[in-house]
Amino acid sequence: MILKIIFLTILFTGILCITSVSYAATVTIQPGYQEGIDTYIHDDGTSSTKTLNFGSRNYIAVTNSTSHRQYALIKFDISQISQHSVTSASLSLFNTAGATNKYLNVYRVTSGWDEMTVTFQHVINGSLTYTGPSTVKTYIPDGYTGWVNWDVTTYVNEWLSGTENYGFIIICHDNEFPNEKDFVSSDDNVIDPSFYPKLTLDGVETSQVPEPATVAILGLSCIITLIRNKIVR
């Protein structure tokens, strides 16, 4: 009888070894130096600035005033996420400087762009487009330094459901000077990489096979318990 118990326990343990356990996890996507795709575009009213590219700059700027407009562009690769939705998604940028209290809006880009060639002229001529509700915004107080987060769950779930992922565009609609907000870029090779832009996803379905040592301990415990119960009876 004891041999039968041991056999059944070993069989159960073997099944457990090849069975993965599914659970919801938090995944943070934070590309390293020069791996990230982020930049800003600038319009100061002159034709020369509208056609300039800032893809190699070590910061990302967002501005809106009577004489300047700067929009930030950023994209994350989420192709490794195979499900159609997540519980929540948060876009996080580290703010290093900026005057006045401002709301910054995030929209979903709906056209392709290249970090090293995109300019404000693409917005003007309609080749760089975006969409999204005006409610996806975050308040940044005057002089604040630190992480700024936006709830971008709707946008990310649209991408996971099949909409093409062209990234985010960040815009300030408050027209007041000065109001530039500067953020850390993944092109900054001096600052701590932990301050690079990141996208945090909650509720990502993943699976894990139990560690052999854990399974072995569980199996041994089952054998001891079953034998003890048999002896007591």
Protein backbone atom coordinates (compact mmCIF):
# COMPACT_ATOMS: atom_id res chain seq x y z
CA MET A 1 0.00 0.00 0.00
CA ILE A 2 2.82 2.35 0.89
CA LEU A 3 4.46 1.64 -2.48
CA LYS A 4 1.20 2.54 -4.19
CA ILE A 5 1.06 5.81 -2.29
CA ILE A 6 4.64 6.61 -3.27
CA PHE A 7 3.90 5.79 -6.92
CA LEU A 8 0.83 8.02 -7.01
CA THR A 9 2.73 10.85 -5.33
CA ILE A 10 5.58 10.60 -7.85
CA LEU A 11 3.03 10.60 -10.68
CA PHE A 12 1.34 13.69 -9.26
CA THR A 13 4.70 15.42 -8.83
CA GLY A 14 5.67 14.63 -12.42
CA ILE A 15 2.44 16.10 -13.73
CA LEU A 16 3.06 19.23 -11.67
CA CYS A 17 6.56 19.54 -13.15
CA ILE A 18 5.25 19.84 -16.71
CA THR A 19 2.22 21.96 -15.87
CA SER A 20 2.66 25.73 -16.08
CA VAL A 21 0.89 28.03 -13.65
CA SER A 22 -0.77 31.13 -15.15
CA TYR A 23 -0.96 34.41 -13.29
CA ALA A 24 -1.27 38.14 -13.91
CA ALA A 25 1.96 40.09 -13.70
CA THR A 26 3.21 43.67 -13.96
CA VAL A 27 5.53 44.27 -16.90
CA THR A 28 7.65 47.40 -17.28
CA ILE A 29 8.99 48.26 -20.73
CA GLN A 30 11.94 50.65 -20.40
CA PRO A 31 14.33 50.67 -23.38
CA GLY A 32 18.00 51.40 -22.75
CA TYR A 33 20.34 54.01 -24.19
CA GLN A 34 19.55 54.71 -27.85
CA GLU A 35 17.21 51.70 -27.94
CA GLY A 36 14.25 53.87 -27.05
CA ILE A 37 12.26 55.78 -29.64
CA ASP A 38 11.60 59.31 -28.37
CA THR A 39 12.05 62.85 -29.62
CA TYR A 40 10.28 66.20 -29.85
CA ILE A 41 9.31 68.51 -32.70
CA HIS A 42 9.48 72.31 -32.58
CA ASP A 43 7.73 75.24 -34.22
CA ASP A 44 8.81 78.78 -33.31
CA GLY A 45 7.11 80.47 -36.22
CA THR A 46 10.09 80.28 -38.56
CA SER A 47 10.26 77.97 -41.54
CA SER A 48 13.73 76.72 -40.60
CA THR A 49 12.74 75.40 -37.15
CA LYS A 50 9.65 73.61 -38.47
CA THR A 51 11.88 71.42 -40.61
CA LEU A 52 14.50 70.64 -37.96
CA ASN A 53 14.79 67.19 -36.42
CA PHE A 54 15.70 66.71 -32.74
CA GLY A 55 15.96 62.94 -32.62
CA SER A 56 19.48 62.96 -31.18
CA ARG A 57 18.73 65.37 -28.33
CA ASN A 58 19.24 64.04 -24.80
CA TYR A 59 15.93 65.43 -23.54
CA ILE A 60 12.27 65.64 -24.58
CA ALA A 61 10.51 69.02 -24.52
CA VAL A 62 6.85 70.04 -24.46
CA THR A 63 5.88 73.70 -24.88
CA ASN A 64 2.98 75.88 -25.96
CA SER A 65 3.10 79.67 -26.11
CA THR A 66 2.34 82.42 -28.59
CA SER A 67 5.74 81.92 -30.23
CA HIS A 68 6.71 78.30 -29.54
CA ARG A 69 5.14 74.85 -29.85
CA GLN A 70 7.00 71.69 -28.92
CA TYR A 71 5.36 68.26 -29.04
CA ALA A 72 6.95 65.10 -27.62
CA LEU A 73 6.82 61.78 -29.48
CA ILE A 74 7.52 58.40 -27.93
CA LYS A 75 6.96 54.79 -28.91
CA PHE A 76 7.32 51.46 -27.08
CA ASP A 77 7.53 47.99 -28.57
CA ILE A 78 4.73 45.92 -27.03
CA SER A 79 4.83 43.10 -29.56
CA GLN A 80 5.86 40.64 -26.82
CA ILE A 81 2.41 41.03 -25.23
CA SER A 82 0.16 38.49 -26.95
CA GLN A 83 -3.14 39.11 -25.15
CA HIS A 84 -5.84 41.52 -26.34
CA SER A 85 -6.01 43.74 -23.26
CA VAL A 86 -4.35 44.61 -19.95
CA THR A 87 -5.80 45.80 -16.66
CA SER A 88 -3.98 49.13 -16.78
CA ALA A 89 -1.17 50.87 -18.64
CA SER A 90 0.86 53.85 -17.44
CA LEU A 91 3.22 56.06 -19.44
CA SER A 92 5.94 57.55 -17.22
CA LEU A 93 8.45 60.30 -18.02
CA PHE A 94 10.91 61.89 -15.60
CA ASN A 95 10.47 65.67 -15.50
CA THR A 96 13.73 67.60 -15.00
CA ALA A 97 12.65 71.22 -15.48
CA GLY A 98 9.69 73.43 -16.24
CA ALA A 99 7.97 76.64 -15.20
CA THR A 100 4.28 77.35 -14.47
CA ASN A 101 1.49 74.91 -13.61
CA LYS A 102 0.51 72.93 -16.68
CA TYR A 103 -1.64 70.07 -17.93
CA LEU A 104 -0.01 67.87 -20.56
CA ASN A 105 -2.23 65.76 -22.79
CA VAL A 106 -1.30 62.43 -24.36
CA TYR A 107 -2.78 61.26 -27.65
CA ARG A 108 -2.38 58.14 -29.77
CA VAL A 109 -0.40 58.72 -32.96
CA THR A 110 -2.21 57.39 -36.04
CA SER A 111 0.53 57.70 -38.67
CA GLY A 112 4.08 56.47 -39.05
CA TRP A 113 7.07 58.60 -38.05
CA ASP A 114 10.81 58.17 -37.74
CA GLU A 115 12.75 59.43 -34.72
CA MET A 116 15.62 60.79 -36.81
CA THR A 117 13.58 62.49 -39.55
CA VAL A 118 10.27 63.67 -38.05
CA THR A 119 9.72 67.45 -37.84
CA PHE A 120 6.90 69.83 -36.97
CA GLN A 121 6.31 70.29 -40.68
CA HIS A 122 4.82 66.79 -40.69
CA VAL A 123 2.08 68.03 -38.32
CA ILE A 124 1.46 71.10 -40.46
CA ASN A 125 1.16 69.19 -43.74
CA GLY A 126 -1.01 66.48 -42.16
CA SER A 127 1.37 63.54 -42.54
CA LEU A 128 1.71 63.20 -38.74
CA THR A 129 -1.72 62.66 -37.20
CA TYR A 130 -3.08 61.68 -33.81
CA THR A 131 -6.33 60.99 -32.00
CA GLY A 132 -7.72 60.45 -28.52
CA PRO A 133 -9.85 62.06 -25.81
CA SER A 134 -8.75 65.32 -24.20
CA THR A 135 -9.18 63.67 -20.78
CA VAL A 136 -5.90 61.73 -21.01
CA LYS A 137 -3.83 64.38 -19.27
CA THR A 138 -1.73 64.96 -16.16
CA TYR A 139 -1.16 68.08 -14.09
CA ILE A 140 2.44 69.18 -13.50
CA PRO A 141 2.99 71.95 -10.91
CA ASP A 142 5.46 74.80 -11.27
CA GLY A 143 9.04 73.73 -10.56
CA TYR A 144 8.18 70.06 -10.07
CA THR A 145 10.95 67.50 -10.61
CA GLY A 146 10.15 63.80 -10.68
CA TRP A 147 8.06 61.17 -12.40
CA VAL A 148 4.99 62.19 -14.37
CA ASN A 149 2.44 59.48 -15.17
CA TRP A 150 -0.41 59.23 -17.66
CA ASP A 151 -3.11 56.56 -17.74
CA VAL A 152 -2.86 55.23 -21.31
CA THR A 153 -4.81 52.01 -20.80
CA THR A 154 -7.28 52.81 -23.59
CA TYR A 155 -4.54 53.41 -26.15
CA VAL A 156 -2.53 50.31 -25.24
CA ASN A 157 -5.60 48.07 -25.35
CA GLU A 158 -6.43 49.44 -28.80
CA TRP A 159 -2.96 48.42 -29.97
CA LEU A 160 -3.27 44.99 -28.37
CA SER A 161 -6.61 44.55 -30.15
CA GLY A 162 -5.05 45.14 -33.56
CA THR A 163 -4.74 48.90 -34.06
CA GLU A 164 -1.31 49.83 -35.44
CA ASN A 165 1.09 51.05 -32.75
CA TYR A 166 2.62 54.39 -33.76
CA GLY A 167 3.26 55.54 -30.21
CA PHE A 168 2.22 58.60 -28.22
CA ILE A 169 2.34 62.34 -28.77
CA ILE A 170 2.37 64.69 -25.76
CA ILE A 171 0.95 68.19 -26.17
CA CYS A 172 0.42 71.18 -23.89
CA HIS A 173 -2.72 73.17 -24.77
CA ASP A 174 -2.23 75.89 -22.13
CA ASN A 175 -1.01 79.00 -23.93
CA GLU A 176 1.16 80.76 -21.39
CA PHE A 177 4.84 81.73 -21.30
CA PRO A 178 7.10 80.33 -19.98
CA ASN A 179 5.74 76.82 -19.84
CA GLU A 180 8.31 74.40 -21.26
CA LYS A 181 8.51 71.02 -19.55
CA ASP A 182 11.65 68.96 -20.11
CA PHE A 183 11.88 65.19 -19.66
CA VAL A 184 14.69 62.63 -19.69
CA SER A 185 15.24 60.93 -23.05
CA SER A 186 16.66 57.48 -23.69
CA ASP A 187 19.31 59.29 -25.77
CA ASP A 188 20.87 60.68 -22.58
CA ASN A 189 23.96 58.54 -21.95
CA VAL A 190 24.96 60.38 -18.77
CA ILE A 191 21.92 60.11 -16.53
CA ASP A 192 20.94 56.96 -14.63
CA PRO A 193 19.02 54.71 -17.10
CA SER A 194 16.38 54.09 -14.45
CA PHE A 195 15.08 57.58 -15.33
CA TYR A 196 14.46 56.70 -18.98
CA PRO A 197 10.85 56.73 -20.28
CA LYS A 198 8.87 53.64 -19.38
CA LEU A 199 5.55 51.96 -20.01
CA THR A 200 4.11 49.89 -17.15
CA LEU A 201 1.48 47.26 -17.90
CA ASP A 202 -0.62 45.57 -15.21
CA GLY A 203 -2.53 42.34 -15.71
CA VAL A 204 -0.17 40.76 -18.21
CA GLU A 205 -0.92 37.07 -18.48
CA THR A 206 2.16 34.93 -18.01
CA SER A 207 2.97 31.37 -17.05
CA GLN A 208 5.66 29.72 -15.01
CA VAL A 209 6.71 26.12 -14.49
CA PRO A 210 7.38 25.37 -10.79
CA GLU A 211 11.05 25.07 -9.81
CA PRO A 212 12.25 21.42 -9.53
CA ALA A 213 13.34 21.93 -5.92
CA THR A 214 9.91 23.27 -4.99
CA VAL A 215 8.19 20.33 -6.65
CA ALA A 216 10.54 17.84 -4.97
CA ILE A 217 9.86 19.28 -1.52
CA LEU A 218 6.12 19.23 -2.20
CA GLY A 219 6.30 15.59 -3.32
CA LEU A 220 8.34 14.52 -0.30
CA SER A 221 5.93 16.30 2.02
CA CYS A 222 3.01 14.46 0.42
CA ILE A 223 4.72 11.08 0.87
CA ILE A 224 5.53 11.74 4.53
CA THR A 225 2.00 12.97 5.24
CA LEU A 226 0.35 10.01 3.54
CA ILE A 227 2.60 7.45 5.28
CA ARG A 228 2.03 9.11 8.65
CA ASN A 229 -1.73 9.01 8.16
CA LYS A 230 -1.49 5.35 7.17
CA ILE A 231 0.51 4.47 10.28
CA VAL A 232 -1.89 6.34 12.56
CA ARG A 233 -4.81 4.42 11.14
